[in-house]
Full PDB file with SEQRES, HELIX, SHEET, SSBOND, CRYST1, ORIGX, SCALE, CONECT and MASTER records, all heavy atoms in Angstrom:
SEQRES   1 A   33  LEU PHE LEU ALA GLU THR PRO ASP ASP PRO THR SER GLN          
SEQRES   2 A   33  ALA THR ALA MET SER LEU ALA GLY TRP ALA ARG ARG LEU          
SEQRES   3 A   33  ALA GLY TYR ASP ASP GLU GLY                                  
HELIX    1 AA1 PRO A   10  LEU A   26  1                                  17    
CRYST1    1.000    1.000    1.000  90.00  90.00  90.00 P 1           1          
ORIGX1      1.000000  0.000000  0.000000        0.00000                         
ORIGX2      0.000000  1.000000  0.000000        0.00000                         
ORIGX3      0.000000  0.000000  1.000000        0.00000                         
SCALE1      1.000000  0.000000  0.000000        0.00000                         
SCALE2      0.000000  1.000000  0.000000        0.00000                         
SCALE3      0.000000  0.000000  1.000000        0.00000                         
ATOM      1  N   LEU A   1      11.383 -16.460  18.130  1.00  0.00           N  
ATOM      2  CA  LEU A   1      12.041 -16.404  19.440  1.00  0.00           C  
ATOM      3  C   LEU A   1      11.063 -15.935  20.511  1.00  0.00           C  
ATOM      4  O   LEU A   1      11.031 -16.488  21.615  1.00  0.00           O  
ATOM      5  CB  LEU A   1      13.252 -15.465  19.388  1.00  0.00           C  
ATOM      6  CG  LEU A   1      14.456 -15.956  18.599  1.00  0.00           C  
ATOM      7  CD1 LEU A   1      15.499 -14.842  18.483  1.00  0.00           C  
ATOM      8  CD2 LEU A   1      15.058 -17.184  19.261  1.00  0.00           C  
ATOM      9  N   PHE A   2      10.277 -14.935  20.187  1.00  0.00           N  
ATOM     10  CA  PHE A   2       9.271 -14.420  21.118  1.00  0.00           C  
ATOM     11  C   PHE A   2       8.280 -15.521  21.494  1.00  0.00           C  
ATOM     12  O   PHE A   2       7.973 -15.731  22.666  1.00  0.00           O  
ATOM     13  CB  PHE A   2       8.547 -13.229  20.471  1.00  0.00           C  
ATOM     14  CG  PHE A   2       7.367 -12.731  21.248  1.00  0.00           C  
ATOM     15  CD1 PHE A   2       7.539 -12.057  22.445  1.00  0.00           C  
ATOM     16  CD2 PHE A   2       6.087 -12.916  20.766  1.00  0.00           C  
ATOM     17  CE1 PHE A   2       6.450 -11.580  23.161  1.00  0.00           C  
ATOM     18  CE2 PHE A   2       4.987 -12.440  21.470  1.00  0.00           C  
ATOM     19  CZ  PHE A   2       5.178 -11.771  22.663  1.00  0.00           C  
ATOM     20  N   LEU A   3       7.795 -16.256  20.499  1.00  0.00           N  
ATOM     21  CA  LEU A   3       6.838 -17.332  20.766  1.00  0.00           C  
ATOM     22  C   LEU A   3       7.474 -18.462  21.571  1.00  0.00           C  
ATOM     23  O   LEU A   3       6.819 -19.065  22.422  1.00  0.00           O  
ATOM     24  CB  LEU A   3       6.257 -17.860  19.453  1.00  0.00           C  
ATOM     25  CG  LEU A   3       5.341 -16.889  18.704  1.00  0.00           C  
ATOM     26  CD1 LEU A   3       4.970 -17.464  17.340  1.00  0.00           C  
ATOM     27  CD2 LEU A   3       4.103 -16.566  19.507  1.00  0.00           C  
ATOM     28  N   ALA A   4       8.738 -18.745  21.301  1.00  0.00           N  
ATOM     29  CA  ALA A   4       9.427 -19.816  22.026  1.00  0.00           C  
ATOM     30  C   ALA A   4       9.599 -19.484  23.504  1.00  0.00           C  
ATOM     31  O   ALA A   4       9.627 -20.381  24.345  1.00  0.00           O  
ATOM     32  CB  ALA A   4      10.782 -20.087  21.387  1.00  0.00           C  
ATOM     33  N   GLU A   5       9.705 -18.208  23.829  1.00  0.00           N  
ATOM     34  CA  GLU A   5       9.894 -17.777  25.210  1.00  0.00           C  
ATOM     35  C   GLU A   5       8.580 -17.582  25.968  1.00  0.00           C  
ATOM     36  O   GLU A   5       8.588 -17.316  27.163  1.00  0.00           O  
ATOM     37  CB  GLU A   5      10.693 -16.474  25.238  1.00  0.00           C  
ATOM     38  CG  GLU A   5      12.112 -16.624  24.724  1.00  0.00           C  
ATOM     39  CD  GLU A   5      12.832 -15.297  24.615  1.00  0.00           C  
ATOM     40  OE1 GLU A   5      12.230 -14.253  24.928  1.00  0.00           O  
ATOM     41  OE2 GLU A   5      13.993 -15.308  24.195  1.00  0.00           O  
ATOM     42  N   THR A   6       7.467 -17.733  25.280  1.00  0.00           N  
ATOM     43  CA  THR A   6       6.161 -17.533  25.897  1.00  0.00           C  
ATOM     44  C   THR A   6       5.811 -18.725  26.782  1.00  0.00           C  
ATOM     45  O   THR A   6       6.006 -19.872  26.381  1.00  0.00           O  
ATOM     46  CB  THR A   6       5.084 -17.369  24.798  1.00  0.00           C  
ATOM     47  OG1 THR A   6       5.457 -16.291  23.949  1.00  0.00           O  
ATOM     48  CG2 THR A   6       3.731 -17.078  25.395  1.00  0.00           C  
ATOM     49  N   PRO A   7       5.292 -18.478  27.987  1.00  0.00           N  
ATOM     50  CA  PRO A   7       4.865 -19.594  28.837  1.00  0.00           C  
ATOM     51  C   PRO A   7       3.835 -20.479  28.129  1.00  0.00           C  
ATOM     52  O   PRO A   7       3.157 -20.051  27.202  1.00  0.00           O  
ATOM     53  CB  PRO A   7       4.239 -18.894  30.052  1.00  0.00           C  
ATOM     54  CG  PRO A   7       4.874 -17.541  30.071  1.00  0.00           C  
ATOM     55  CD  PRO A   7       5.117 -17.185  28.633  1.00  0.00           C  
ATOM     56  N   ASP A   8       3.718 -21.716  28.591  1.00  0.00           N  
ATOM     57  CA  ASP A   8       2.882 -22.705  27.917  1.00  0.00           C  
ATOM     58  C   ASP A   8       1.388 -22.600  28.195  1.00  0.00           C  
ATOM     59  O   ASP A   8       0.600 -23.312  27.575  1.00  0.00           O  
ATOM     60  CB  ASP A   8       3.350 -24.125  28.279  1.00  0.00           C  
ATOM     61  CG  ASP A   8       4.674 -24.468  27.622  1.00  0.00           C  
ATOM     62  OD1 ASP A   8       4.986 -23.877  26.580  1.00  0.00           O  
ATOM     63  OD2 ASP A   8       5.379 -25.339  28.159  1.00  0.00           O  
ATOM     64  N   ASP A   9       0.966 -21.740  29.104  1.00  0.00           N  
ATOM     65  CA  ASP A   9      -0.465 -21.673  29.403  1.00  0.00           C  
ATOM     66  C   ASP A   9      -1.219 -21.040  28.224  1.00  0.00           C  
ATOM     67  O   ASP A   9      -0.668 -20.214  27.496  1.00  0.00           O  
ATOM     68  CB  ASP A   9      -0.710 -20.890  30.691  1.00  0.00           C  
ATOM     69  CG  ASP A   9      -0.276 -19.450  30.575  1.00  0.00           C  
ATOM     70  OD1 ASP A   9       0.947 -19.196  30.658  1.00  0.00           O  
ATOM     71  OD2 ASP A   9      -1.142 -18.584  30.379  1.00  0.00           O  
ATOM     72  N   PRO A  10      -2.464 -21.453  28.016  1.00  0.00           N  
ATOM     73  CA  PRO A  10      -3.227 -20.971  26.858  1.00  0.00           C  
ATOM     74  C   PRO A  10      -3.392 -19.453  26.797  1.00  0.00           C  
ATOM     75  O   PRO A  10      -3.370 -18.874  25.710  1.00  0.00           O  
ATOM     76  CB  PRO A  10      -4.591 -21.654  27.016  1.00  0.00           C  
ATOM     77  CG  PRO A  10      -4.344 -22.836  27.864  1.00  0.00           C  
ATOM     78  CD  PRO A  10      -3.214 -22.466  28.775  1.00  0.00           C  
ATOM     79  N   THR A  11      -3.526 -18.805  27.935  1.00  0.00           N  
ATOM     80  CA  THR A  11      -3.696 -17.355  27.935  1.00  0.00           C  
ATOM     81  C   THR A  11      -2.449 -16.656  27.393  1.00  0.00           C  
ATOM     82  O   THR A  11      -2.546 -15.776  26.538  1.00  0.00           O  
ATOM     83  CB  THR A  11      -4.015 -16.854  29.360  1.00  0.00           C  
ATOM     84  OG1 THR A  11      -5.221 -17.491  29.801  1.00  0.00           O  
ATOM     85  CG2 THR A  11      -4.183 -15.347  29.395  1.00  0.00           C  
ATOM     86  N   SER A  12      -1.295 -17.059  27.869  1.00  0.00           N  
ATOM     87  CA  SER A  12      -0.040 -16.467  27.382  1.00  0.00           C  
ATOM     88  C   SER A  12       0.187 -16.793  25.917  1.00  0.00           C  
ATOM     89  O   SER A  12       0.609 -15.930  25.133  1.00  0.00           O  
ATOM     90  CB  SER A  12       1.144 -16.977  28.207  1.00  0.00           C  
ATOM     91  OG  SER A  12       1.025 -16.581  29.544  1.00  0.00           O  
ATOM     92  N   GLN A  13      -0.084 -18.031  25.523  1.00  0.00           N  
ATOM     93  CA  GLN A  13       0.099 -18.432  24.133  1.00  0.00           C  
ATOM     94  C   GLN A  13      -0.839 -17.639  23.209  1.00  0.00           C  
ATOM     95  O   GLN A  13      -0.414 -17.190  22.143  1.00  0.00           O  
ATOM     96  CB  GLN A  13      -0.152 -19.937  23.978  1.00  0.00           C  
ATOM     97  CG  GLN A  13       0.933 -20.803  24.574  1.00  0.00           C  
ATOM     98  CD  GLN A  13       2.226 -20.721  23.785  1.00  0.00           C  
ATOM     99  OE1 GLN A  13       2.219 -20.788  22.565  1.00  0.00           O  
ATOM    100  NE2 GLN A  13       3.328 -20.582  24.493  1.00  0.00           N  
ATOM    101  N   ALA A  14      -2.090 -17.476  23.617  1.00  0.00           N  
ATOM    102  CA  ALA A  14      -3.049 -16.730  22.793  1.00  0.00           C  
ATOM    103  C   ALA A  14      -2.641 -15.266  22.667  1.00  0.00           C  
ATOM    104  O   ALA A  14      -2.737 -14.671  21.590  1.00  0.00           O  
ATOM    105  CB  ALA A  14      -4.453 -16.844  23.376  1.00  0.00           C  
ATOM    106  N   THR A  15      -2.168 -14.692  23.748  1.00  0.00           N  
ATOM    107  CA  THR A  15      -1.714 -13.303  23.713  1.00  0.00           C  
ATOM    108  C   THR A  15      -0.518 -13.164  22.781  1.00  0.00           C  
ATOM    109  O   THR A  15      -0.463 -12.251  21.947  1.00  0.00           O  
ATOM    110  CB  THR A  15      -1.353 -12.821  25.128  1.00  0.00           C  
ATOM    111  OG1 THR A  15      -2.502 -12.950  25.966  1.00  0.00           O  
ATOM    112  CG2 THR A  15      -0.891 -11.381  25.125  1.00  0.00           C  
ATOM    113  N   ALA A  16       0.432 -14.068  22.892  1.00  0.00           N  
ATOM    114  CA  ALA A  16       1.622 -14.028  22.039  1.00  0.00           C  
ATOM    115  C   ALA A  16       1.253 -14.226  20.570  1.00  0.00           C  
ATOM    116  O   ALA A  16       1.793 -13.537  19.691  1.00  0.00           O  
ATOM    117  CB  ALA A  16       2.621 -15.095  22.489  1.00  0.00           C  
ATOM    118  N   MET A  17       0.349 -15.144  20.296  1.00  0.00           N  
ATOM    119  CA  MET A  17      -0.074 -15.364  18.909  1.00  0.00           C  
ATOM    120  C   MET A  17      -0.761 -14.125  18.344  1.00  0.00           C  
ATOM    121  O   MET A  17      -0.564 -13.788  17.169  1.00  0.00           O  
ATOM    122  CB  MET A  17      -1.009 -16.564  18.817  1.00  0.00           C  
ATOM    123  CG  MET A  17      -0.303 -17.888  18.940  1.00  0.00           C  
ATOM    124  SD  MET A  17      -1.446 -19.275  18.763  1.00  0.00           S  
ATOM    125  CE  MET A  17      -1.844 -19.156  17.026  1.00  0.00           C  
ATOM    126  N   SER A  18      -1.547 -13.449  19.156  1.00  0.00           N  
ATOM    127  CA  SER A  18      -2.203 -12.216  18.710  1.00  0.00           C  
ATOM    128  C   SER A  18      -1.165 -11.166  18.331  1.00  0.00           C  
ATOM    129  O   SER A  18      -1.265 -10.527  17.280  1.00  0.00           O  
ATOM    130  CB  SER A  18      -3.103 -11.651  19.812  1.00  0.00           C  
ATOM    131  OG  SER A  18      -4.127 -12.535  20.133  1.00  0.00           O  
ATOM    132  N   LEU A  19      -0.175 -11.002  19.179  1.00  0.00           N  
ATOM    133  CA  LEU A  19       0.876 -10.021  18.907  1.00  0.00           C  
ATOM    134  C   LEU A  19       1.717 -10.416  17.697  1.00  0.00           C  
ATOM    135  O   LEU A  19       2.120  -9.564  16.903  1.00  0.00           O  
ATOM    136  CB  LEU A  19       1.745  -9.841  20.143  1.00  0.00           C  
ATOM    137  CG  LEU A  19       1.027  -9.220  21.345  1.00  0.00           C  
ATOM    138  CD1 LEU A  19       1.935  -9.240  22.569  1.00  0.00           C  
ATOM    139  CD2 LEU A  19       0.563  -7.817  21.035  1.00  0.00           C  
ATOM    140  N   ALA A  20       1.969 -11.704  17.540  1.00  0.00           N  
ATOM    141  CA  ALA A  20       2.706 -12.181  16.365  1.00  0.00           C  
ATOM    142  C   ALA A  20       1.893 -11.916  15.093  1.00  0.00           C  
ATOM    143  O   ALA A  20       2.449 -11.530  14.060  1.00  0.00           O  
ATOM    144  CB  ALA A  20       3.019 -13.664  16.504  1.00  0.00           C  
ATOM    145  N   GLY A  21       0.584 -12.107  15.178  1.00  0.00           N  
ATOM    146  CA  GLY A  21      -0.271 -11.798  14.038  1.00  0.00           C  
ATOM    147  C   GLY A  21      -0.243 -10.321  13.693  1.00  0.00           C  
ATOM    148  O   GLY A  21      -0.195  -9.937  12.522  1.00  0.00           O  
ATOM    149  N   TRP A  22      -0.244  -9.492  14.716  1.00  0.00           N  
ATOM    150  CA  TRP A  22      -0.172  -8.040  14.486  1.00  0.00           C  
ATOM    151  C   TRP A  22       1.155  -7.676  13.828  1.00  0.00           C  
ATOM    152  O   TRP A  22       1.197  -6.852  12.919  1.00  0.00           O  
ATOM    153  CB  TRP A  22      -0.363  -7.293  15.794  1.00  0.00           C  
ATOM    154  CG  TRP A  22      -0.407  -5.807  15.605  1.00  0.00           C  
ATOM    155  CD1 TRP A  22       0.535  -4.908  15.984  1.00  0.00           C  
ATOM    156  CD2 TRP A  22      -1.451  -5.057  14.981  1.00  0.00           C  
ATOM    157  NE1 TRP A  22       0.138  -3.640  15.643  1.00  0.00           N  
ATOM    158  CE2 TRP A  22      -1.073  -3.696  15.020  1.00  0.00           C  
ATOM    159  CE3 TRP A  22      -2.660  -5.398  14.387  1.00  0.00           C  
ATOM    160  CZ2 TRP A  22      -1.866  -2.687  14.489  1.00  0.00           C  
ATOM    161  CZ3 TRP A  22      -3.453  -4.376  13.859  1.00  0.00           C  
ATOM    162  CH2 TRP A  22      -3.052  -3.045  13.913  1.00  0.00           C  
ATOM    163  N   ALA A  23       2.240  -8.298  14.263  1.00  0.00           N  
ATOM    164  CA  ALA A  23       3.548  -8.032  13.648  1.00  0.00           C  
ATOM    165  C   ALA A  23       3.541  -8.428  12.174  1.00  0.00           C  
ATOM    166  O   ALA A  23       4.091  -7.722  11.326  1.00  0.00           O  
ATOM    167  CB  ALA A  23       4.647  -8.790  14.399  1.00  0.00           C  
ATOM    168  N   ARG A  24       2.908  -9.539  11.859  1.00  0.00           N  
ATOM    169  CA  ARG A  24       2.806  -9.962  10.469  1.00  0.00           C  
ATOM    170  C   ARG A  24       1.986  -8.950   9.662  1.00  0.00           C  
ATOM    171  O   ARG A  24       2.319  -8.634   8.533  1.00  0.00           O  
ATOM    172  CB  ARG A  24       2.195 -11.353  10.381  1.00  0.00           C  
ATOM    173  CG  ARG A  24       3.189 -12.431  10.729  1.00  0.00           C  
ATOM    174  CD  ARG A  24       2.518 -13.788  10.865  1.00  0.00           C  
ATOM    175  NE  ARG A  24       3.465 -14.877  10.780  1.00  0.00           N  
ATOM    176  CZ  ARG A  24       4.332 -15.222  11.720  1.00  0.00           C  
ATOM    177  NH1 ARG A  24       4.390 -14.523  12.835  1.00  0.00           N  
ATOM    178  NH2 ARG A  24       5.154 -16.227  11.563  1.00  0.00           N  
ATOM    179  N   ARG A  25       0.928  -8.435  10.261  1.00  0.00           N  
ATOM    180  CA  ARG A  25       0.118  -7.426   9.591  1.00  0.00           C  
ATOM    181  C   ARG A  25       0.937  -6.166   9.343  1.00  0.00           C  
ATOM    182  O   ARG A  25       0.894  -5.580   8.275  1.00  0.00           O  
ATOM    183  CB  ARG A  25      -1.116  -7.121  10.452  1.00  0.00           C  
ATOM    184  CG  ARG A  25      -2.135  -6.215   9.777  1.00  0.00           C  
ATOM    185  CD  ARG A  25      -1.912  -4.773  10.193  1.00  0.00           C  
ATOM    186  NE  ARG A  25      -3.003  -3.952   9.714  1.00  0.00           N  
ATOM    187  CZ  ARG A  25      -2.840  -2.966   8.849  1.00  0.00           C  
ATOM    188  NH1 ARG A  25      -1.675  -2.691   8.359  1.00  0.00           N  
ATOM    189  NH2 ARG A  25      -3.856  -2.235   8.467  1.00  0.00           N  
ATOM    190  N   LEU A  26       1.724  -5.747  10.324  1.00  0.00           N  
ATOM    191  CA  LEU A  26       2.560  -4.562  10.163  1.00  0.00           C  
ATOM    192  C   LEU A  26       3.615  -4.758   9.081  1.00  0.00           C  
ATOM    193  O   LEU A  26       4.028  -3.802   8.432  1.00  0.00           O  
ATOM    194  CB  LEU A  26       3.232  -4.201  11.487  1.00  0.00           C  
ATOM    195  CG  LEU A  26       2.303  -3.686  12.585  1.00  0.00           C  
ATOM    196  CD1 LEU A  26       3.098  -3.436  13.858  1.00  0.00           C  
ATOM    197  CD2 LEU A  26       1.564  -2.438  12.147  1.00  0.00           C  
ATOM    198  N   ALA A  27       4.035  -6.006   8.879  1.00  0.00           N  
ATOM    199  CA  ALA A  27       5.011  -6.312   7.834  1.00  0.00           C  
ATOM    200  C   ALA A  27       4.359  -6.390   6.458  1.00  0.00           C  
ATOM    201  O   ALA A  27       5.044  -6.601   5.457  1.00  0.00           O  
ATOM    202  CB  ALA A  27       5.715  -7.628   8.149  1.00  0.00           C  
ATOM    203  N   GLY A  28       3.029  -6.228   6.408  1.00  0.00           N  
ATOM    204  CA  GLY A  28       2.339  -6.230   5.131  1.00  0.00           C  
ATOM    205  C   GLY A  28       1.666  -7.541   4.774  1.00  0.00           C  
ATOM    206  O   GLY A  28       1.140  -7.691   3.682  1.00  0.00           O  
ATOM    207  N   TYR A  29       1.658  -8.477   5.696  1.00  0.00           N  
ATOM    208  CA  TYR A  29       1.051  -9.784   5.457  1.00  0.00           C  
ATOM    209  C   TYR A  29      -0.282  -9.857   6.212  1.00  0.00           C  
ATOM    210  O   TYR A  29      -0.432 -10.583   7.191  1.00  0.00           O  
ATOM    211  CB  TYR A  29       2.003 -10.898   5.902  1.00  0.00           C  
ATOM    212  CG  TYR A  29       3.275 -10.925   5.103  1.00  0.00           C  
ATOM    213  CD1 TYR A  29       4.376 -10.157   5.468  1.00  0.00           C  
ATOM    214  CD2 TYR A  29       3.376 -11.705   3.962  1.00  0.00           C  
ATOM    215  CE1 TYR A  29       5.540 -10.166   4.726  1.00  0.00           C  
ATOM    216  CE2 TYR A  29       4.535 -11.719   3.203  1.00  0.00           C  
ATOM    217  CZ  TYR A  29       5.619 -10.946   3.587  1.00  0.00           C  
ATOM    218  OH  TYR A  29       6.771 -10.956   2.846  1.00  0.00           O  
ATOM    219  N   ASP A  30      -1.252  -9.080   5.727  1.00  0.00           N  
ATOM    220  CA  ASP A  30      -2.538  -8.955   6.416  1.00  0.00           C  
ATOM    221  C   ASP A  30      -3.247 -10.290   6.586  1.00  0.00           C  
ATOM    222  O   ASP A  30      -3.724 -10.602   7.678  1.00  0.00           O  
ATOM    223  CB  ASP A  30      -3.454  -7.993   5.670  1.00  0.00           C  
ATOM    224  CG  ASP A  30      -3.032  -6.545   5.806  1.00  0.00           C  
ATOM    225  OD1 ASP A  30      -2.016  -6.279   6.468  1.00  0.00           O  
ATOM    226  OD2 ASP A  30      -3.724  -5.678   5.251  1.00  0.00           O  
ATOM    227  N   ASP A  31      -3.353 -11.058   5.511  1.00  0.00           N  
ATOM    228  CA  ASP A  31      -4.097 -12.316   5.585  1.00  0.00           C  
ATOM    229  C   ASP A  31      -3.471 -13.290   6.579  1.00  0.00           C  
ATOM    230  O   ASP A  31      -4.167 -13.916   7.377  1.00  0.00           O  
ATOM    231  CB  ASP A  31      -4.194 -12.982   4.207  1.00  0.00           C  
ATOM    232  CG  ASP A  31      -5.055 -12.173   3.246  1.00  0.00           C  
ATOM    233  OD1 ASP A  31      -5.877 -11.366   3.723  1.00  0.00           O  
ATOM    234  OD2 ASP A  31      -4.899 -12.358   2.024  1.00  0.00           O  
ATOM    235  N   GLU A  32      -2.158 -13.400   6.535  1.00  0.00           N  
ATOM    236  CA  GLU A  32      -1.469 -14.283   7.484  1.00  0.00           C  
ATOM    237  C   GLU A  32      -1.640 -13.780   8.916  1.00  0.00           C  
ATOM    238  O   GLU A  32      -1.871 -14.558   9.839  1.00  0.00           O  
ATOM    239  CB  GLU A  32       0.014 -14.384   7.131  1.00  0.00           C  
ATOM    240  CG  GLU A  32       0.762 -15.353   7.991  1.00  0.00           C  
ATOM    241  CD  GLU A  32       2.225 -15.478   7.609  1.00  0.00           C  
ATOM    242  OE1 GLU A  32       2.625 -14.992   6.535  1.00  0.00           O  
ATOM    243  OE2 GLU A  32       2.964 -16.058   8.413  1.00  0.00           O  
ATOM    244  N   GLY A  33      -1.534 -12.471   9.095  1.00  0.00           N  
ATOM    245  CA  GLY A  33      -1.718 -11.899  10.422  1.00  0.00           C  
ATOM    246  C   GLY A  33      -3.102 -12.180  10.980  1.00  0.00           C  
ATOM    247  O   GLY A  33      -3.251 -12.553  12.150  1.00  0.00           O  
TER     248      GLY A  33                                                      
MASTER        0    0    0    1    0    0    0    6  247    1    0    3          
END                                                                             
């Protein structure tokens, strides 16, 4: 949902992907993050 609401510009998308990766790492999925 967070990624779907992110604006389409590359800067916003890259920032959102970074944060999504961090969330995956916090959930214990280091490699995926």
